[in-house]
Amino acid sequence: METLVLGAGKDDGPKPAMRDYTPRRYDLATLELDIDFVLHGDGPASTWAEQATPGQFLHIGGPRGSMIVPDIFDSYLLIGDETALPAIARRLEGLAGNRRALVIIEVENGKEQQVLNSAAEIDVIWVLREGGKDHLLTTVRQVQIPTGNLYAWVATESKVSRQIRRVLLDEHGLDEQFVKAAGYWRLDGSDEE
């Protein structure tokens, strides 16, 4: 029988693979937690999700304490790829009916598209990657940005996220304090920023 000794073995052995995910749904009554996984590459989470079967265990920690955007904006611009879909969907579901959102999502192909529900008025642009690159960045450059008091949120591959942020600030003239861009993953597969 193993005994837990606090503080002992802190640096012993490899650290477990850890990834951050936005819960898609949590049901307190049934204690069910839904998490969407994107099956791409051979990262630890994708590899686990691809072989997962009912009854397997996964250690979950959290919540981590994500930033909550106050509901003070007229419009929202939500930009991401497959990895951002759970966060985008949750944000849309939480918006009031008197809000507007422009959503731009890049996916591999049409099979990846999902129904997105919201009380708000939403326009969704699906950008199909289908072997090409820079389609998302091109779409962001060409899109008509909603007017009024706007909050922009971007989550995609780290380099692309930084590029989109620059386009929003430099080409569309958005207020830097209301633009949040996050790198949800790295093309080179590393965990380092």
C-alpha atoms as a PDB file:
ATOM      1  CA  MET A   1       0.000   0.000   0.000  1.00  0.00           C
ATOM      2  CA  GLU A   2       1.335   3.434  -0.988  1.00  0.00           C
ATOM      3  CA  THR A   3       1.510   6.199   1.566  1.00  0.00           C
ATOM      4  CA  LEU A   4       1.176   9.840   0.634  1.00  0.00           C
ATOM      5  CA  VAL A   5       3.922  11.938   2.169  1.00  0.00           C
ATOM      6  CA  LEU A   6       3.418  15.659   1.627  1.00  0.00           C
ATOM      7  CA  GLY A   7       6.439  17.411   0.181  1.00  0.00           C
ATOM      8  CA  ALA A   8       8.300  14.192  -0.530  1.00  0.00           C
ATOM      9  CA  GLY A   9       9.340  13.316  -4.052  1.00  0.00           C
ATOM     10  CA  LYS A  10       8.428  16.685  -5.511  1.00  0.00           C
ATOM     11  CA  ASP A  11      11.061  16.436  -8.235  1.00  0.00           C
ATOM     12  CA  ASP A  12      11.049  12.650  -8.641  1.00  0.00           C
ATOM     13  CA  GLY A  13      10.123  11.287 -12.044  1.00  0.00           C
ATOM     14  CA  PRO A  14       8.459  12.870 -15.007  1.00  0.00           C
ATOM     15  CA  LYS A  15       5.679  15.369 -14.534  1.00  0.00           C
ATOM     16  CA  PRO A  16       2.258  14.263 -15.763  1.00  0.00           C
ATOM     17  CA  ALA A  17       0.996  15.796 -18.992  1.00  0.00           C
ATOM     18  CA  MET A  18      -1.365  18.653 -18.189  1.00  0.00           C
ATOM     19  CA  ARG A  19      -3.549  20.668 -20.526  1.00  0.00           C
ATOM     20  CA  ASP A  20      -6.133  23.410 -20.005  1.00  0.00           C
ATOM     21  CA  TYR A  21      -9.626  22.877 -21.411  1.00  0.00           C
ATOM     22  CA  THR A  22     -12.836  24.850 -21.274  1.00  0.00           C
ATOM     23  CA  PRO A  23     -15.635  22.628 -19.988  1.00  0.00           C
ATOM     24  CA  ARG A  24     -18.381  22.455 -22.584  1.00  0.00           C
ATOM     25  CA  ARG A  25     -21.006  21.486 -20.015  1.00  0.00           C
ATOM     26  CA  TYR A  26     -21.152  20.572 -16.353  1.00  0.00           C
ATOM     27  CA  ASP A  27     -24.225  18.958 -14.811  1.00  0.00           C
ATOM     28  CA  LEU A  28     -24.103  19.139 -11.019  1.00  0.00           C
ATOM     29  CA  ALA A  29     -27.086  16.785 -10.625  1.00  0.00           C
ATOM     30  CA  THR A  30     -25.466  13.929 -12.567  1.00  0.00           C
ATOM     31  CA  LEU A  31     -21.857  14.973 -11.887  1.00  0.00           C
ATOM     32  CA  GLU A  32     -21.158  14.888 -15.622  1.00  0.00           C
ATOM     33  CA  LEU A  33     -18.481  17.028 -17.216  1.00  0.00           C
ATOM     34  CA  ASP A  34     -18.309  17.364 -21.004  1.00  0.00           C
ATOM     35  CA  ILE A  35     -14.984  18.339 -22.542  1.00  0.00           C
ATOM     36  CA  ASP A  36     -14.423  18.616 -26.289  1.00  0.00           C
ATOM     37  CA  PHE A  37     -11.137  17.225 -27.604  1.00  0.00           C
ATOM     38  CA  VAL A  38      -9.686  18.025 -31.012  1.00  0.00           C
ATOM     39  CA  LEU A  39      -8.071  14.890 -32.382  1.00  0.00           C
ATOM     40  CA  HIS A  40      -5.004  16.217 -34.152  1.00  0.00           C
ATOM     41  CA  GLY A  41      -1.355  15.358 -33.882  1.00  0.00           C
ATOM     42  CA  ASP A  42       0.119  13.076 -31.292  1.00  0.00           C
ATOM     43  CA  GLY A  43      -0.012  15.251 -28.184  1.00  0.00           C
ATOM     44  CA  PRO A  44      -0.820  13.669 -24.824  1.00  0.00           C
ATOM     45  CA  ALA A  45      -4.438  14.854 -24.704  1.00  0.00           C
ATOM     46  CA  SER A  46      -5.234  13.880 -28.308  1.00  0.00           C
ATOM     47  CA  THR A  47      -3.579  10.505 -27.841  1.00  0.00           C
ATOM     48  CA  TRP A  48      -5.560   9.826 -24.670  1.00  0.00           C
ATOM     49  CA  ALA A  49      -8.870  11.025 -26.138  1.00  0.00           C
ATOM     50  CA  GLU A  50      -8.455   8.907 -29.260  1.00  0.00           C
ATOM     51  CA  GLN A  51      -8.216   5.688 -27.255  1.00  0.00           C
ATOM     52  CA  ALA A  52     -10.567   6.647 -24.386  1.00  0.00           C
ATOM     53  CA  THR A  53     -13.387   4.270 -23.518  1.00  0.00           C
ATOM     54  CA  PRO A  54     -16.243   4.545 -21.000  1.00  0.00           C
ATOM     55  CA  GLY A  55     -15.040   3.912 -17.481  1.00  0.00           C
ATOM     56  CA  GLN A  56     -11.505   5.213 -17.938  1.00  0.00           C
ATOM     57  CA  PHE A  57     -10.284   7.796 -15.476  1.00  0.00           C
ATOM     58  CA  LEU A  58      -8.833  11.206 -16.143  1.00  0.00           C
ATOM     59  CA  HIS A  59      -7.541  13.464 -13.380  1.00  0.00           C
ATOM     60  CA  ILE A  60      -9.304  16.825 -13.536  1.00  0.00           C
ATOM     61  CA  GLY A  61      -8.280  19.940 -11.650  1.00  0.00           C
ATOM     62  CA  GLY A  62      -9.875  23.318 -11.571  1.00  0.00           C
ATOM     63  CA  PRO A  63     -11.468  25.600 -12.102  1.00  0.00           C
ATOM     64  CA  ARG A  64      -8.353  27.566 -12.830  1.00  0.00           C
ATOM     65  CA  GLY A  65      -9.967  30.969 -12.646  1.00  0.00           C
ATOM     66  CA  SER A  66     -10.422  32.252 -16.151  1.00  0.00           C
ATOM     67  CA  MET A  67     -11.071  35.929 -16.681  1.00  0.00           C
ATOM     68  CA  ILE A  68     -14.771  36.758 -16.769  1.00  0.00           C
ATOM     69  CA  VAL A  69     -15.568  39.445 -19.308  1.00  0.00           C
ATOM     70  CA  PRO A  70     -18.179  41.812 -17.877  1.00  0.00           C
ATOM     71  CA  ASP A  71     -21.400  42.084 -19.860  1.00  0.00           C
ATOM     72  CA  ILE A  72     -20.914  45.773 -20.681  1.00  0.00           C
ATOM     73  CA  PHE A  73     -20.238  45.578 -24.415  1.00  0.00           C
ATOM     74  CA  ASP A  74     -22.712  46.058 -27.263  1.00  0.00           C
ATOM     75  CA  SER A  75     -20.861  43.650 -29.527  1.00  0.00           C
ATOM     76  CA  TYR A  76     -18.439  40.767 -29.322  1.00  0.00           C
ATOM     77  CA  LEU A  77     -15.946  39.527 -31.894  1.00  0.00           C
ATOM     78  CA  LEU A  78     -15.009  35.902 -31.211  1.00  0.00           C
ATOM     79  CA  ILE A  79     -12.299  34.356 -33.387  1.00  0.00           C
ATOM     80  CA  GLY A  80     -10.835  30.879 -33.068  1.00  0.00           C
ATOM     81  CA  ASP A  81     -10.248  27.420 -34.431  1.00  0.00           C
ATOM     82  CA  GLU A  82     -11.520  23.994 -33.359  1.00  0.00           C
ATOM     83  CA  THR A  83      -9.737  24.265 -30.033  1.00  0.00           C
ATOM     84  CA  ALA A  84     -11.663  27.439 -29.180  1.00  0.00           C
ATOM     85  CA  LEU A  85     -15.133  26.092 -30.017  1.00  0.00           C
ATOM     86  CA  PRO A  86     -16.088  25.139 -26.424  1.00  0.00           C
ATOM     87  CA  ALA A  87     -15.128  28.590 -25.101  1.00  0.00           C
ATOM     88  CA  ILE A  88     -16.873  30.354 -27.989  1.00  0.00           C
ATOM     89  CA  ALA A  89     -20.030  28.260 -27.543  1.00  0.00           C
ATOM     90  CA  ARG A  90     -20.131  28.910 -23.791  1.00  0.00           C
ATOM     91  CA  ARG A  91     -19.667  32.644 -24.316  1.00  0.00           C
ATOM     92  CA  LEU A  92     -22.445  32.779 -26.907  1.00  0.00           C
ATOM     93  CA  GLU A  93     -24.816  30.836 -24.647  1.00  0.00           C
ATOM     94  CA  GLY A  94     -24.211  33.397 -21.897  1.00  0.00           C
ATOM     95  CA  LEU A  95     -24.854  36.523 -23.972  1.00  0.00           C
ATOM     96  CA  ALA A  96     -28.051  38.498 -23.451  1.00  0.00           C
ATOM     97  CA  GLY A  97     -30.578  38.973 -26.234  1.00  0.00           C
ATOM     98  CA  ASN A  98     -29.682  42.645 -26.659  1.00  0.00           C
ATOM     99  CA  ARG A  99     -26.073  41.837 -27.626  1.00  0.00           C
ATOM    100  CA  ARG A 100     -24.479  41.109 -31.000  1.00  0.00           C
ATOM    101  CA  ALA A 101     -21.625  38.754 -31.803  1.00  0.00           C
ATOM    102  CA  LEU A 102     -19.597  38.174 -34.926  1.00  0.00           C
ATOM    103  CA  VAL A 103     -17.980  34.754 -34.752  1.00  0.00           C
ATOM    104  CA  ILE A 104     -15.198  33.613 -37.088  1.00  0.00           C
ATOM    105  CA  ILE A 105     -14.154  29.980 -36.702  1.00  0.00           C
ATOM    106  CA  GLU A 106     -11.572  28.093 -38.738  1.00  0.00           C
ATOM    107  CA  VAL A 107     -12.123  24.344 -39.049  1.00  0.00           C
ATOM    108  CA  GLU A 108     -10.579  21.608 -41.173  1.00  0.00           C
ATOM    109  CA  ASN A 109     -13.717  21.031 -43.266  1.00  0.00           C
ATOM    110  CA  GLY A 110     -17.502  21.363 -43.230  1.00  0.00           C
ATOM    111  CA  LYS A 111     -17.933  18.268 -41.032  1.00  0.00           C
ATOM    112  CA  GLU A 112     -16.426  20.221 -38.121  1.00  0.00           C
ATOM    113  CA  GLN A 113     -19.150  22.884 -38.113  1.00  0.00           C
ATOM    114  CA  GLN A 114     -21.460  22.929 -35.092  1.00  0.00           C
ATOM    115  CA  VAL A 115     -24.730  24.560 -34.163  1.00  0.00           C
ATOM    116  CA  LEU A 116     -24.030  27.551 -31.924  1.00  0.00           C
ATOM    117  CA  ASN A 117     -26.901  28.753 -29.731  1.00  0.00           C
ATOM    118  CA  SER A 118     -27.353  32.211 -28.268  1.00  0.00           C
ATOM    119  CA  ALA A 119     -30.066  34.636 -27.228  1.00  0.00           C
ATOM    120  CA  ALA A 120     -27.863  37.309 -28.819  1.00  0.00           C
ATOM    121  CA  GLU A 121     -27.920  38.198 -32.496  1.00  0.00           C
ATOM    122  CA  ILE A 122     -25.025  36.193 -33.944  1.00  0.00           C
ATOM    123  CA  ASP A 123     -23.349  36.001 -37.326  1.00  0.00           C
ATOM    124  CA  VAL A 124     -21.056  33.012 -37.808  1.00  0.00           C
ATOM    125  CA  ILE A 125     -18.415  32.789 -40.514  1.00  0.00           C
ATOM    126  CA  TRP A 126     -16.983  29.295 -40.951  1.00  0.00           C
ATOM    127  CA  VAL A 127     -13.523  29.358 -42.538  1.00  0.00           C
ATOM    128  CA  LEU A 128     -12.627  25.998 -44.067  1.00  0.00           C
ATOM    129  CA  ARG A 129      -8.929  25.195 -43.871  1.00  0.00           C
ATOM    130  CA  GLU A 130      -9.006  22.230 -46.278  1.00  0.00           C
ATOM    131  CA  GLY A 131      -5.255  22.088 -46.773  1.00  0.00           C
ATOM    132  CA  GLY A 132      -4.811  25.828 -47.173  1.00  0.00           C
ATOM    133  CA  LYS A 133      -3.283  28.292 -44.795  1.00  0.00           C
ATOM    134  CA  ASP A 134      -3.803  31.909 -43.825  1.00  0.00           C
ATOM    135  CA  HIS A 135      -7.542  31.721 -44.633  1.00  0.00           C
ATOM    136  CA  LEU A 136      -8.432  32.798 -41.090  1.00  0.00           C
ATOM    137  CA  LEU A 137      -6.055  35.764 -41.143  1.00  0.00           C
ATOM    138  CA  THR A 138      -7.325  36.823 -44.582  1.00  0.00           C
ATOM    139  CA  THR A 139     -10.941  36.607 -43.407  1.00  0.00           C
ATOM    140  CA  VAL A 140     -10.196  38.747 -40.340  1.00  0.00           C
ATOM    141  CA  ARG A 141      -8.497  41.343 -42.554  1.00  0.00           C
ATOM    142  CA  GLN A 142     -11.511  41.540 -44.886  1.00  0.00           C
ATOM    143  CA  VAL A 143     -14.410  41.295 -42.435  1.00  0.00           C
ATOM    144  CA  GLN A 144     -16.645  44.220 -41.493  1.00  0.00           C
ATOM    145  CA  ILE A 145     -16.086  44.657 -37.738  1.00  0.00           C
ATOM    146  CA  PRO A 146     -19.251  45.344 -35.679  1.00  0.00           C
ATOM    147  CA  THR A 147     -19.682  48.937 -34.585  1.00  0.00           C
ATOM    148  CA  GLY A 148     -20.249  50.208 -31.078  1.00  0.00           C
ATOM    149  CA  ASN A 149     -18.644  49.214 -27.820  1.00  0.00           C
ATOM    150  CA  LEU A 150     -16.768  46.016 -28.829  1.00  0.00           C
ATOM    151  CA  TYR A 151     -14.819  43.279 -27.052  1.00  0.00           C
ATOM    152  CA  ALA A 152     -12.639  41.008 -29.206  1.00  0.00           C
ATOM    153  CA  TRP A 153     -11.447  37.561 -28.130  1.00  0.00           C
ATOM    154  CA  VAL A 154      -9.073  35.387 -30.162  1.00  0.00           C
ATOM    155  CA  ALA A 155      -7.904  31.836 -29.448  1.00  0.00           C
ATOM    156  CA  THR A 156      -6.056  29.698 -31.958  1.00  0.00           C
ATOM    157  CA  GLU A 157      -2.499  28.558 -32.697  1.00  0.00           C
ATOM    158  CA  SER A 158      -0.054  30.859 -30.867  1.00  0.00           C
ATOM    159  CA  LYS A 159       1.579  32.527 -33.876  1.00  0.00           C
ATOM    160  CA  VAL A 160      -1.734  32.972 -35.706  1.00  0.00           C
ATOM    161  CA  SER A 161      -3.312  34.425 -32.564  1.00  0.00           C
ATOM    162  CA  ARG A 162      -0.577  37.068 -32.345  1.00  0.00           C
ATOM    163  CA  GLN A 163      -0.971  37.897 -36.051  1.00  0.00           C
ATOM    164  CA  ILE A 164      -4.740  38.299 -35.725  1.00  0.00           C
ATOM    165  CA  ARG A 165      -4.282  40.529 -32.683  1.00  0.00           C
ATOM    166  CA  ARG A 166      -1.979  42.796 -34.719  1.00  0.00           C
ATOM    167  CA  VAL A 167      -4.537  42.969 -37.552  1.00  0.00           C
ATOM    168  CA  LEU A 168      -7.307  43.893 -35.108  1.00  0.00           C
ATOM    169  CA  LEU A 169      -5.189  46.638 -33.546  1.00  0.00           C
ATOM    170  CA  ASP A 170      -3.275  47.986 -36.544  1.00  0.00           C
ATOM    171  CA  GLU A 171      -5.687  47.492 -39.440  1.00  0.00           C
ATOM    172  CA  HIS A 172      -9.095  47.609 -37.754  1.00  0.00           C
ATOM    173  CA  GLY A 173      -8.093  50.134 -35.064  1.00  0.00           C
ATOM    174  CA  LEU A 174      -9.595  48.279 -32.101  1.00  0.00           C
ATOM    175  CA  ASP A 175      -8.846  49.451 -28.560  1.00  0.00           C
ATOM    176  CA  GLU A 176      -6.000  47.315 -27.189  1.00  0.00           C
ATOM    177  CA  GLN A 177      -7.544  47.064 -23.722  1.00  0.00           C
ATOM    178  CA  PHE A 178     -10.580  45.299 -25.224  1.00  0.00           C
ATOM    179  CA  VAL A 179      -8.681  42.776 -27.360  1.00  0.00           C
ATOM    180  CA  LYS A 180      -7.700  39.482 -25.713  1.00  0.00           C
ATOM    181  CA  ALA A 181      -5.669  37.031 -27.801  1.00  0.00           C
ATOM    182  CA  ALA A 182      -4.524  33.652 -26.515  1.00  0.00           C
ATOM    183  CA  GLY A 183      -2.393  30.928 -28.019  1.00  0.00           C
ATOM    184  CA  TYR A 184      -4.325  27.717 -27.356  1.00  0.00           C
ATOM    185  CA  TRP A 185      -1.676  25.503 -28.967  1.00  0.00           C
ATOM    186  CA  ARG A 186       1.622  25.641 -30.864  1.00  0.00           C
ATOM    187  CA  LEU A 187       2.259  24.360 -34.360  1.00  0.00           C
ATOM    188  CA  ASP A 188       5.683  23.080 -33.318  1.00  0.00           C
ATOM    189  CA  GLY A 189       4.051  21.025 -30.546  1.00  0.00           C
ATOM    190  CA  SER A 190       6.053  22.564 -27.713  1.00  0.00           C
ATOM    191  CA  ASP A 191       4.559  23.774 -24.457  1.00  0.00           C
ATOM    192  CA  GLU A 192       6.900  26.752 -24.288  1.00  0.00           C
ATOM    193  CA  GLU A 193       5.684  30.249 -25.214  1.00  0.00           C
END
